[in-house]
């Protein structure tokens, strides 16, 4: 499925979800852009600094809060690595 199709599906899902904020949307859009750059792979294997730069997030705390919430809300599955030399895995559940 194309990234634009996933974005439209995400947009449809969040229209009914009052928990979603602009930060969630920005983070999800940044993940989609990174996914496209990496050849539309699923899961994405990324370091937090890569995602934070793409999403324009300044602190680890903010990044972790919003990525965990996207996971809890069922939009992605986030598997943190907890190791500096191993990237975390982010699975897209829509599409």
Foldseek 3Di string as FASTA:
>chain_A
DQLVVLLVVVVVVCVPPPVDDVLLNLLVVLCSVVCVVVPVDFWDFAALVSSCVSSVNDDPVVSVVNVVVCCVVPQWPWACDPDPVGGTIIGGPGD
